[in-house]
Amino acid sequence: MRALLQRVSRAEVAVDGEVIGRTGPGLLILVCAMQGDGPEAAERLAAKVAKLRIFRDAADKMNLSLLDTGGGALVISQFTLAADTRRGNRPGFSTAAPPEEGERLYLRFAEALAALGPHVETGRFGADMAVSLTNEGPVTIWLDSEA
């Protein structure tokens, strides 16, 4: 699985003009399930995200995790993280998990993260979503469960 984390002061996602998920201070997490991923990849990635020390401590160092800060998370499915741009000018997405499997793993990731303690809200899998955020830092980190 792949995830793009953005440390945020706020983030929200809307479908057809209606806000369906939001978070205050914490993380906006864009998630993509790849072919061959299973539930264990979702759980491993969720644990890594929850414990990743990318929030400021009292000395202004990135030394605290989402668990340490009590922050929330907005988790959005993002199959375009599987983009293959090696040939031509049009990305290919053949390495992304098929939609049914992708949705199952996306939801497993969100459930696994919530089980670790943070309040988690989600977007809507497969929907045309409008995501807005205020990136803090800015801090943006790429994670791959295979790396």
Protein backbone atom coordinates (compact mmCIF):
# COMPACT_ATOMS: atom_id res chain seq x y z
CA MET A 1 0.00 0.00 0.00
CA ARG A 2 1.04 3.55 -0.56
CA ALA A 3 0.16 6.59 1.51
CA LEU A 4 0.84 10.28 1.21
CA LEU A 5 0.65 12.00 4.61
CA GLN A 6 0.12 15.70 5.08
CA ARG A 7 0.36 17.22 8.53
CA VAL A 8 -2.63 19.54 8.76
CA SER A 9 -4.29 22.02 11.05
CA ARG A 10 -7.55 21.17 9.28
CA ALA A 11 -8.81 19.12 6.35
CA GLU A 12 -12.17 18.18 4.92
CA VAL A 13 -13.63 16.24 2.03
CA ALA A 14 -16.89 16.94 0.21
CA VAL A 15 -18.94 14.99 -2.30
CA ASP A 16 -21.50 16.91 -4.37
CA GLY A 17 -20.96 19.96 -2.16
CA GLU A 18 -21.68 18.08 1.08
CA VAL A 19 -18.86 17.68 3.62
CA ILE A 20 -18.64 13.98 4.47
CA GLY A 21 -15.41 13.89 6.51
CA ARG A 22 -13.11 16.27 8.33
CA THR A 23 -10.33 16.54 10.86
CA GLY A 24 -8.81 19.26 12.96
CA PRO A 25 -5.10 19.07 13.81
CA GLY A 26 -3.63 15.79 12.63
CA LEU A 27 -3.16 14.13 9.26
CA LEU A 28 -4.73 14.05 5.84
CA ILE A 29 -3.83 10.60 4.49
CA LEU A 30 -4.20 9.71 0.82
CA VAL A 31 -4.14 5.90 0.49
CA CYS A 32 -3.74 3.54 -2.47
CA ALA A 33 -3.89 -0.25 -2.37
CA MET A 34 -1.56 -1.92 -4.84
CA GLN A 35 -1.92 -5.29 -6.57
CA GLY A 36 -0.82 -8.06 -4.23
CA ASP A 37 -1.51 -6.09 -1.03
CA GLY A 38 -3.40 -7.84 1.73
CA PRO A 39 -4.88 -6.88 5.09
CA GLU A 40 -1.48 -7.20 6.76
CA ALA A 41 -0.11 -4.41 4.54
CA ALA A 42 -2.99 -2.14 5.60
CA GLU A 43 -2.39 -2.91 9.27
CA ARG A 44 1.40 -2.44 9.00
CA LEU A 45 0.94 0.89 7.23
CA ALA A 46 -1.62 2.08 9.79
CA ALA A 47 0.78 1.27 12.65
CA LYS A 48 3.61 3.13 10.91
CA VAL A 49 1.41 6.19 10.32
CA ALA A 50 0.17 6.26 13.92
CA LYS A 51 3.71 6.11 15.34
CA LEU A 52 5.55 8.28 12.80
CA ARG A 53 7.12 11.21 14.69
CA ILE A 54 6.29 14.18 12.45
CA PHE A 55 4.63 16.57 14.91
CA ARG A 56 6.45 19.29 16.85
CA ASP A 57 7.38 18.86 20.50
CA ALA A 58 7.94 21.68 23.03
CA ALA A 59 11.44 22.24 21.60
CA ASP A 60 9.95 22.68 18.09
CA LYS A 61 11.47 19.38 16.88
CA MET A 62 9.53 16.78 14.88
CA ASN A 63 9.47 14.30 17.72
CA LEU A 64 5.81 13.46 18.40
CA SER A 65 3.46 10.99 16.71
CA LEU A 66 -0.24 11.21 15.94
CA LEU A 67 -0.77 9.03 19.01
CA ASP A 68 1.31 11.40 21.16
CA THR A 69 -0.61 14.49 20.05
CA GLY A 70 -4.11 13.05 20.12
CA GLY A 71 -4.66 14.34 16.59
CA GLY A 72 -7.20 13.00 14.13
CA ALA A 73 -6.97 11.67 10.61
CA LEU A 74 -8.91 12.14 7.41
CA VAL A 75 -8.31 9.11 5.17
CA ILE A 76 -9.03 9.46 1.45
CA SER A 77 -8.76 6.75 -1.21
CA GLN A 78 -6.38 7.88 -3.97
CA PHE A 79 -5.71 5.27 -6.68
CA THR A 80 -3.60 7.79 -8.62
CA LEU A 81 -0.76 7.15 -6.14
CA ALA A 82 -0.20 4.05 -8.29
CA ALA A 83 0.57 6.21 -11.35
CA ASP A 84 3.24 4.83 -13.66
CA THR A 85 4.71 7.72 -15.64
CA ARG A 86 7.72 5.97 -17.14
CA ARG A 87 6.34 5.90 -20.68
CA GLY A 88 4.60 8.65 -22.57
CA ASN A 89 2.63 11.50 -21.09
CA ARG A 90 -0.41 9.63 -19.84
CA PRO A 91 -0.02 7.82 -16.50
CA GLY A 92 -0.98 4.17 -16.22
CA PHE A 93 -2.65 2.72 -13.15
CA SER A 94 -2.40 -1.01 -13.80
CA THR A 95 -0.43 -1.61 -10.58
CA ALA A 96 -3.33 -0.38 -8.41
CA ALA A 97 -5.48 -3.04 -6.78
CA PRO A 98 -8.79 -3.77 -8.54
CA PRO A 99 -11.58 -1.50 -7.21
CA GLU A 100 -13.31 -4.05 -4.98
CA GLU A 101 -10.02 -5.09 -3.36
CA GLY A 102 -8.83 -1.48 -3.20
CA GLU A 103 -11.94 -0.41 -1.32
CA ARG A 104 -11.65 -3.32 1.12
CA LEU A 105 -8.00 -2.49 1.89
CA TYR A 106 -8.64 1.25 2.11
CA LEU A 107 -11.35 0.63 4.70
CA ARG A 108 -9.14 -1.88 6.53
CA PHE A 109 -6.40 0.77 6.76
CA ALA A 110 -8.87 3.31 8.20
CA GLU A 111 -10.23 0.75 10.69
CA ALA A 112 -6.73 -0.32 11.76
CA LEU A 113 -5.68 3.29 12.31
CA ALA A 114 -8.83 4.04 14.34
CA ALA A 115 -8.23 0.91 16.45
CA LEU A 116 -4.89 2.41 17.51
CA GLY A 117 -6.64 5.44 19.01
CA PRO A 118 -6.94 8.41 16.63
CA HIS A 119 -10.35 9.67 15.56
CA VAL A 120 -10.60 8.73 11.87
CA GLU A 121 -12.98 9.99 9.23
CA THR A 122 -12.99 8.97 5.58
CA GLY A 123 -13.93 10.06 2.12
CA ARG A 124 -16.12 7.98 -0.20
CA PHE A 125 -14.34 5.33 -2.25
CA GLY A 126 -14.68 5.90 -5.99
CA ALA A 127 -16.46 9.23 -5.63
CA ASP A 128 -15.43 12.51 -7.21
CA MET A 129 -14.27 14.29 -4.05
CA ALA A 130 -13.21 17.83 -3.29
CA VAL A 131 -10.49 17.84 -0.62
CA SER A 132 -9.37 21.00 1.15
CA LEU A 133 -6.63 21.33 3.74
CA THR A 134 -4.21 23.57 5.52
CA ASN A 135 -0.83 21.83 5.45
CA GLU A 136 1.22 22.59 8.57
CA GLY A 137 4.94 23.10 8.10
CA PRO A 138 4.45 22.17 5.32
CA VAL A 139 5.07 18.51 6.09
CA THR A 140 4.29 15.94 3.40
CA ILE A 141 5.62 12.37 3.63
CA TRP A 142 5.40 9.45 1.22
CA LEU A 143 5.11 5.91 2.64
CA ASP A 144 5.09 2.56 0.89
CA SER A 145 4.38 -0.62 2.86
CA GLU A 146 6.87 -2.48 0.64
CA ALA A 147 9.74 -0.07 1.34
